[in-house]
C-alpha atoms as a PDB file:
ATOM      1  CA  UNK A   1     139.742  84.008 120.837  1.00  0.00           C
ATOM      2  CA  UNK A   2     137.914  80.978 122.219  1.00  0.00           C
ATOM      3  CA  UNK A   3     134.922  81.553 124.434  1.00  0.00           C
ATOM      4  CA  UNK A   4     133.684  78.498 126.317  1.00  0.00           C
ATOM      5  CA  UNK A   5     129.931  78.593 126.873  1.00  0.00           C
ATOM      6  CA  UNK A   6     128.874  77.513 130.339  1.00  0.00           C
ATOM      7  CA  UNK A   7     125.969  75.343 129.233  1.00  0.00           C
ATOM      8  CA  UNK A   8     126.427  71.889 127.682  1.00  0.00           C
ATOM      9  CA  UNK A   9     124.931  71.047 124.290  1.00  0.00           C
ATOM     10  CA  UNK A  10     123.822  67.413 123.956  1.00  0.00           C
ATOM     11  CA  UNK A  11     126.054  66.507 126.891  1.00  0.00           C
ATOM     12  CA  UNK A  12     129.140  68.228 125.437  1.00  0.00           C
ATOM     13  CA  UNK A  13     130.525  71.651 126.105  1.00  0.00           C
ATOM     14  CA  UNK A  14     130.020  73.820 123.028  1.00  0.00           C
ATOM     15  CA  UNK A  15     132.984  76.007 122.087  1.00  0.00           C
ATOM     16  CA  UNK A  16     132.063  79.279 120.385  1.00  0.00           C
ATOM     17  CA  UNK A  17     135.054  80.503 118.410  1.00  0.00           C
ATOM     18  CA  UNK A  18     133.980  84.112 118.051  1.00  0.00           C
ATOM     19  CA  UNK A  19     134.598  83.743 114.317  1.00  0.00           C
ATOM     20  CA  UNK A  20     134.337  86.869 112.223  1.00  0.00           C
ATOM     21  CA  UNK A  21     132.412  86.167 108.994  1.00  0.00           C
ATOM     22  CA  UNK A  22     134.325  88.965 107.230  1.00  0.00           C
ATOM     23  CA  UNK A  23     137.838  87.883 108.279  1.00  0.00           C
ATOM     24  CA  UNK A  24     138.676  86.147 104.994  1.00  0.00           C
ATOM     25  CA  UNK A  25     136.851  88.578 102.709  1.00  0.00           C
ATOM     26  CA  UNK A  26     138.360  91.629 101.041  1.00  0.00           C
ATOM     27  CA  UNK A  27     138.375  94.648 103.339  1.00  0.00           C
ATOM     28  CA  UNK A  28     135.628  97.187 102.721  1.00  0.00           C
ATOM     29  CA  UNK A  29     134.871 100.670 103.959  1.00  0.00           C
ATOM     30  CA  UNK A  30     132.145 101.100 106.557  1.00  0.00           C
ATOM     31  CA  UNK A  31     128.926 103.083 106.458  1.00  0.00           C
ATOM     32  CA  UNK A  32     125.985 103.309 108.852  1.00  0.00           C
ATOM     33  CA  UNK A  33     122.920 101.101 109.316  1.00  0.00           C
ATOM     34  CA  UNK A  34     120.329 101.699 112.031  1.00  0.00           C
ATOM     35  CA  UNK A  35     117.048 100.066 112.969  1.00  0.00           C
ATOM     36  CA  UNK A  36     113.973 100.995 114.947  1.00  0.00           C
ATOM     37  CA  UNK A  37     113.445  97.307 115.778  1.00  0.00           C
ATOM     38  CA  UNK A  38     116.948  95.913 116.427  1.00  0.00           C
ATOM     39  CA  UNK A  39     119.652  97.496 118.585  1.00  0.00           C
ATOM     40  CA  UNK A  40     123.313  96.802 117.849  1.00  0.00           C
ATOM     41  CA  UNK A  41     124.735  94.431 120.463  1.00  0.00           C
ATOM     42  CA  UNK A  42     121.344  93.730 122.042  1.00  0.00           C
ATOM     43  CA  UNK A  43     119.121  90.626 121.971  1.00  0.00           C
ATOM     44  CA  UNK A  44     116.736  90.324 119.040  1.00  0.00           C
ATOM     45  CA  UNK A  45     113.107  91.193 119.841  1.00  0.00           C
ATOM     46  CA  UNK A  46     110.591  88.337 119.702  1.00  0.00           C
ATOM     47  CA  UNK A  47     109.258  89.618 116.361  1.00  0.00           C
ATOM     48  CA  UNK A  48     112.639  88.776 114.795  1.00  0.00           C
ATOM     49  CA  UNK A  49     112.696  85.280 116.303  1.00  0.00           C
ATOM     50  CA  UNK A  50     111.470  82.242 114.390  1.00  0.00           C
ATOM     51  CA  UNK A  51     107.777  81.359 114.502  1.00  0.00           C
ATOM     52  CA  UNK A  52     109.007  78.030 115.913  1.00  0.00           C
ATOM     53  CA  UNK A  53     110.078  79.873 119.091  1.00  0.00           C
ATOM     54  CA  UNK A  54     107.258  80.750 121.526  1.00  0.00           C
ATOM     55  CA  UNK A  55     106.244  84.325 120.644  1.00  0.00           C
ATOM     56  CA  UNK A  56     108.463  84.424 117.527  1.00  0.00           C
ATOM     57  CA  UNK A  57     107.007  85.953 114.366  1.00  0.00           C
ATOM     58  CA  UNK A  58     109.626  85.757 111.543  1.00  0.00           C
ATOM     59  CA  UNK A  59     109.358  89.514 110.916  1.00  0.00           C
ATOM     60  CA  UNK A  60     112.330  91.098 109.167  1.00  0.00           C
ATOM     61  CA  UNK A  61     113.717  94.134 110.992  1.00  0.00           C
ATOM     62  CA  UNK A  62     113.381  97.746 109.910  1.00  0.00           C
ATOM     63  CA  UNK A  63     116.670  98.928 108.390  1.00  0.00           C
ATOM     64  CA  UNK A  64     117.836 102.404 107.411  1.00  0.00           C
ATOM     65  CA  UNK A  65     121.290 103.238 106.087  1.00  0.00           C
ATOM     66  CA  UNK A  66     123.366 106.264 105.150  1.00  0.00           C
ATOM     67  CA  UNK A  67     126.875 107.225 104.169  1.00  0.00           C
ATOM     68  CA  UNK A  68     127.444 104.685 101.382  1.00  0.00           C
ATOM     69  CA  UNK A  69     130.383 105.637  99.187  1.00  0.00           C
ATOM     70  CA  UNK A  70     130.172 107.406  95.863  1.00  0.00           C
ATOM     71  CA  UNK A  71     129.856 104.865  93.074  1.00  0.00           C
ATOM     72  CA  UNK A  72     127.314 102.708  94.905  1.00  0.00           C
ATOM     73  CA  UNK A  73     124.953 101.320  92.261  1.00  0.00           C
ATOM     74  CA  UNK A  74     122.922  98.859  94.352  1.00  0.00           C
ATOM     75  CA  UNK A  75     122.663  97.233  97.761  1.00  0.00           C
ATOM     76  CA  UNK A  76     122.233  93.734  99.088  1.00  0.00           C
ATOM     77  CA  UNK A  77     121.051  92.839 102.595  1.00  0.00           C
ATOM     78  CA  UNK A  78     121.980  89.652 104.433  1.00  0.00           C
ATOM     79  CA  UNK A  79     121.281  88.224 107.882  1.00  0.00           C
ATOM     80  CA  UNK A  80     123.708  85.501 108.966  1.00  0.00           C
ATOM     81  CA  UNK A  81     124.338  83.463 112.137  1.00  0.00           C
ATOM     82  CA  UNK A  82     127.978  82.244 112.178  1.00  0.00           C
ATOM     83  CA  UNK A  83     127.398  80.428 115.487  1.00  0.00           C
ATOM     84  CA  UNK A  84     124.854  77.888 114.207  1.00  0.00           C
ATOM     85  CA  UNK A  85     125.991  74.291 114.780  1.00  0.00           C
ATOM     86  CA  UNK A  86     126.298  73.509 111.080  1.00  0.00           C
ATOM     87  CA  UNK A  87     129.955  74.019 110.214  1.00  0.00           C
ATOM     88  CA  UNK A  88     128.866  76.716 107.765  1.00  0.00           C
ATOM     89  CA  UNK A  89     126.657  79.011 109.821  1.00  0.00           C
ATOM     90  CA  UNK A  90     123.036  79.754 108.934  1.00  0.00           C
ATOM     91  CA  UNK A  91     121.635  82.291 106.459  1.00  0.00           C
ATOM     92  CA  UNK A  92     118.337  83.818 107.629  1.00  0.00           C
ATOM     93  CA  UNK A  93     117.777  86.367 104.868  1.00  0.00           C
ATOM     94  CA  UNK A  94     119.306  87.554 101.626  1.00  0.00           C
ATOM     95  CA  UNK A  95     118.018  90.343  99.384  1.00  0.00           C
ATOM     96  CA  UNK A  96     119.730  91.376  96.138  1.00  0.00           C
ATOM     97  CA  UNK A  97     119.429  94.205  93.614  1.00  0.00           C
ATOM     98  CA  UNK A  98     118.144  96.919  95.947  1.00  0.00           C
ATOM     99  CA  UNK A  99     118.461 100.141  93.888  1.00  0.00           C
ATOM    100  CA  UNK A 100     121.035 102.710  95.024  1.00  0.00           C
ATOM    101  CA  UNK A 101     118.210 105.241  95.506  1.00  0.00           C
ATOM    102  CA  UNK A 102     116.711 103.106  98.303  1.00  0.00           C
ATOM    103  CA  UNK A 103     118.127 103.588 101.798  1.00  0.00           C
ATOM    104  CA  UNK A 104     115.466 102.006 103.986  1.00  0.00           C
ATOM    105  CA  UNK A 105     113.454  98.795 104.297  1.00  0.00           C
ATOM    106  CA  UNK A 106     110.357  98.766 106.507  1.00  0.00           C
ATOM    107  CA  UNK A 107     109.862  96.186 109.230  1.00  0.00           C
ATOM    108  CA  UNK A 108     108.271  93.116 107.647  1.00  0.00           C
ATOM    109  CA  UNK A 109     109.706  93.799 104.154  1.00  0.00           C
ATOM    110  CA  UNK A 110     110.952  90.201 104.065  1.00  0.00           C
ATOM    111  CA  UNK A 111     107.557  88.487 104.171  1.00  0.00           C
ATOM    112  CA  UNK A 112     106.589  85.707 101.739  1.00  0.00           C
ATOM    113  CA  UNK A 113     105.782  88.213  98.986  1.00  0.00           C
ATOM    114  CA  UNK A 114     108.633  90.632  99.724  1.00  0.00           C
ATOM    115  CA  UNK A 115     105.876  93.231 100.007  1.00  0.00           C
ATOM    116  CA  UNK A 116     108.151  95.895 101.492  1.00  0.00           C
ATOM    117  CA  UNK A 117     110.962  95.485  98.975  1.00  0.00           C
ATOM    118  CA  UNK A 118     111.556  97.954  96.143  1.00  0.00           C
ATOM    119  CA  UNK A 119     110.793  97.014  92.551  1.00  0.00           C
ATOM    120  CA  UNK A 120     113.498  94.770  91.007  1.00  0.00           C
ATOM    121  CA  UNK A 121     114.877  93.670  94.398  1.00  0.00           C
ATOM    122  CA  UNK A 122     114.435  89.983  95.189  1.00  0.00           C
ATOM    123  CA  UNK A 123     114.848  87.565  98.083  1.00  0.00           C
ATOM    124  CA  UNK A 124     116.954  84.437  97.706  1.00  0.00           C
ATOM    125  CA  UNK A 125     116.034  81.181  99.457  1.00  0.00           C
ATOM    126  CA  UNK A 126     117.617  81.121 102.917  1.00  0.00           C
ATOM    127  CA  UNK A 127     118.926  78.005 104.690  1.00  0.00           C
ATOM    128  CA  UNK A 128     115.350  76.852 105.331  1.00  0.00           C
ATOM    129  CA  UNK A 129     115.060  77.139 101.509  1.00  0.00           C
ATOM    130  CA  UNK A 130     112.321  79.761 101.576  1.00  0.00           C
ATOM    131  CA  UNK A 131     112.704  83.137  99.880  1.00  0.00           C
ATOM    132  CA  UNK A 132     111.828  85.289 102.876  1.00  0.00           C
ATOM    133  CA  UNK A 133     113.163  86.307 106.281  1.00  0.00           C
ATOM    134  CA  UNK A 134     113.317  83.473 108.814  1.00  0.00           C
ATOM    135  CA  UNK A 135     113.844  84.543 112.401  1.00  0.00           C
ATOM    136  CA  UNK A 136     116.424  83.363 114.907  1.00  0.00           C
ATOM    137  CA  UNK A 137     116.047  79.974 116.591  1.00  0.00           C
ATOM    138  CA  UNK A 138     119.321  78.937 118.219  1.00  0.00           C
ATOM    139  CA  UNK A 139     119.194  75.456 119.773  1.00  0.00           C
ATOM    140  CA  UNK A 140     118.139  75.476 123.420  1.00  0.00           C
ATOM    141  CA  UNK A 141     121.170  75.459 125.706  1.00  0.00           C
ATOM    142  CA  UNK A 142     123.578  76.184 122.849  1.00  0.00           C
ATOM    143  CA  UNK A 143     124.612  79.532 124.252  1.00  0.00           C
ATOM    144  CA  UNK A 144     124.423  82.968 122.647  1.00  0.00           C
ATOM    145  CA  UNK A 145     124.364  83.316 118.878  1.00  0.00           C
ATOM    146  CA  UNK A 146     125.256  86.439 116.905  1.00  0.00           C
ATOM    147  CA  UNK A 147     123.162  87.678 113.997  1.00  0.00           C
ATOM    148  CA  UNK A 148     125.055  89.831 111.505  1.00  0.00           C
ATOM    149  CA  UNK A 149     122.571  92.137 109.769  1.00  0.00           C
ATOM    150  CA  UNK A 150     124.538  93.610 106.885  1.00  0.00           C
ATOM    151  CA  UNK A 151     123.851  96.119 104.128  1.00  0.00           C
ATOM    152  CA  UNK A 152     126.399  95.707 101.331  1.00  0.00           C
ATOM    153  CA  UNK A 153     127.053  98.693  99.008  1.00  0.00           C
ATOM    154  CA  UNK A 154     127.878  97.329  95.544  1.00  0.00           C
ATOM    155  CA  UNK A 155     129.464  98.772  92.423  1.00  0.00           C
ATOM    156  CA  UNK A 156     126.960  97.090  90.045  1.00  0.00           C
ATOM    157  CA  UNK A 157     123.226  97.715  89.496  1.00  0.00           C
ATOM    158  CA  UNK A 158     122.441  93.993  89.230  1.00  0.00           C
ATOM    159  CA  UNK A 159     124.583  91.354  90.909  1.00  0.00           C
ATOM    160  CA  UNK A 160     123.661  88.707  88.322  1.00  0.00           C
ATOM    161  CA  UNK A 161     122.698  85.762  90.510  1.00  0.00           C
ATOM    162  CA  UNK A 162     119.585  83.692  89.799  1.00  0.00           C
ATOM    163  CA  UNK A 163     116.624  84.069  92.156  1.00  0.00           C
ATOM    164  CA  UNK A 164     117.046  80.458  93.304  1.00  0.00           C
ATOM    165  CA  UNK A 165     120.734  80.901  94.223  1.00  0.00           C
ATOM    166  CA  UNK A 166     121.895  80.399  97.792  1.00  0.00           C
ATOM    167  CA  UNK A 167     122.948  83.301 100.021  1.00  0.00           C
ATOM    168  CA  UNK A 168     126.467  81.819 100.049  1.00  0.00           C
ATOM    169  CA  UNK A 169     126.569  82.060  96.246  1.00  0.00           C
ATOM    170  CA  UNK A 170     125.336  85.643  96.500  1.00  0.00           C
ATOM    171  CA  UNK A 171     128.167  86.357  98.954  1.00  0.00           C
ATOM    172  CA  UNK A 172     130.728  84.755  96.646  1.00  0.00           C
ATOM    173  CA  UNK A 173     129.466  86.762  93.670  1.00  0.00           C
ATOM    174  CA  UNK A 174     129.354  90.015  95.667  1.00  0.00           C
ATOM    175  CA  UNK A 175     132.872  89.660  97.083  1.00  0.00           C
ATOM    176  CA  UNK A 176     134.512  91.472  94.169  1.00  0.00           C
ATOM    177  CA  UNK A 177     131.838  94.193  94.036  1.00  0.00           C
ATOM    178  CA  UNK A 178     131.557  95.349  97.658  1.00  0.00           C
ATOM    179  CA  UNK A 179     132.455  99.012  98.123  1.00  0.00           C
ATOM    180  CA  UNK A 180     131.385  99.163 101.777  1.00  0.00           C
ATOM    181  CA  UNK A 181     129.503  97.298 104.508  1.00  0.00           C
ATOM    182  CA  UNK A 182     127.127  98.563 107.175  1.00  0.00           C
ATOM    183  CA  UNK A 183     126.791  96.052 110.026  1.00  0.00           C
ATOM    184  CA  UNK A 184     124.410  95.641 112.954  1.00  0.00           C
ATOM    185  CA  UNK A 185     125.046  92.647 115.213  1.00  0.00           C
ATOM    186  CA  UNK A 186     122.258  91.344 117.430  1.00  0.00           C
ATOM    187  CA  UNK A 187     122.146  88.274 119.645  1.00  0.00           C
ATOM    188  CA  UNK A 188     119.736  85.519 120.649  1.00  0.00           C
ATOM    189  CA  UNK A 189     119.877  82.680 123.146  1.00  0.00           C
ATOM    190  CA  UNK A 190     117.331  80.095 124.214  1.00  0.00           C
ATOM    191  CA  UNK A 191     117.898  78.583 127.667  1.00  0.00           C
ATOM    192  CA  UNK A 192     117.674  74.821 128.082  1.00  0.00           C
END
């Protein structure tokens, strides 16, 4: 499916492909993730926008999940924008080694210190190369972007990636350990 955005980007019409970031990954069962701060299919609130956007605050969303399959030994959380004009999307947040006993992260858990994360969980540097949540900041006039907020149920207690690894490396390492995914998809757009 090709969706042509109506607004030009740097004088050229931007073509959003509607790419599915899970299309080439092994299939996984689904479970449920909800949020008191982000609604599935709705625009991100200003708190979840980048501090570089007027009113943005770089605050990670509240997340709560249930229904993970038996055998889940840990979770990872990622926030990814496949519509960023990079050729590889943009990783906003990645958290690994969340214990299986944890089923909720408070709003703001992804601050500089990871103050709302459980013991042993850690944040990997995102595409801004900071180990924290960085809010949405799609280029002005680029059209709508999608933000996949995903909780991954894993069959290992520790995924075994170094703290300085990239979110893409985390994704590669997780691919053979994912039992199920819980997905919330939000949007953001900045007019020209």
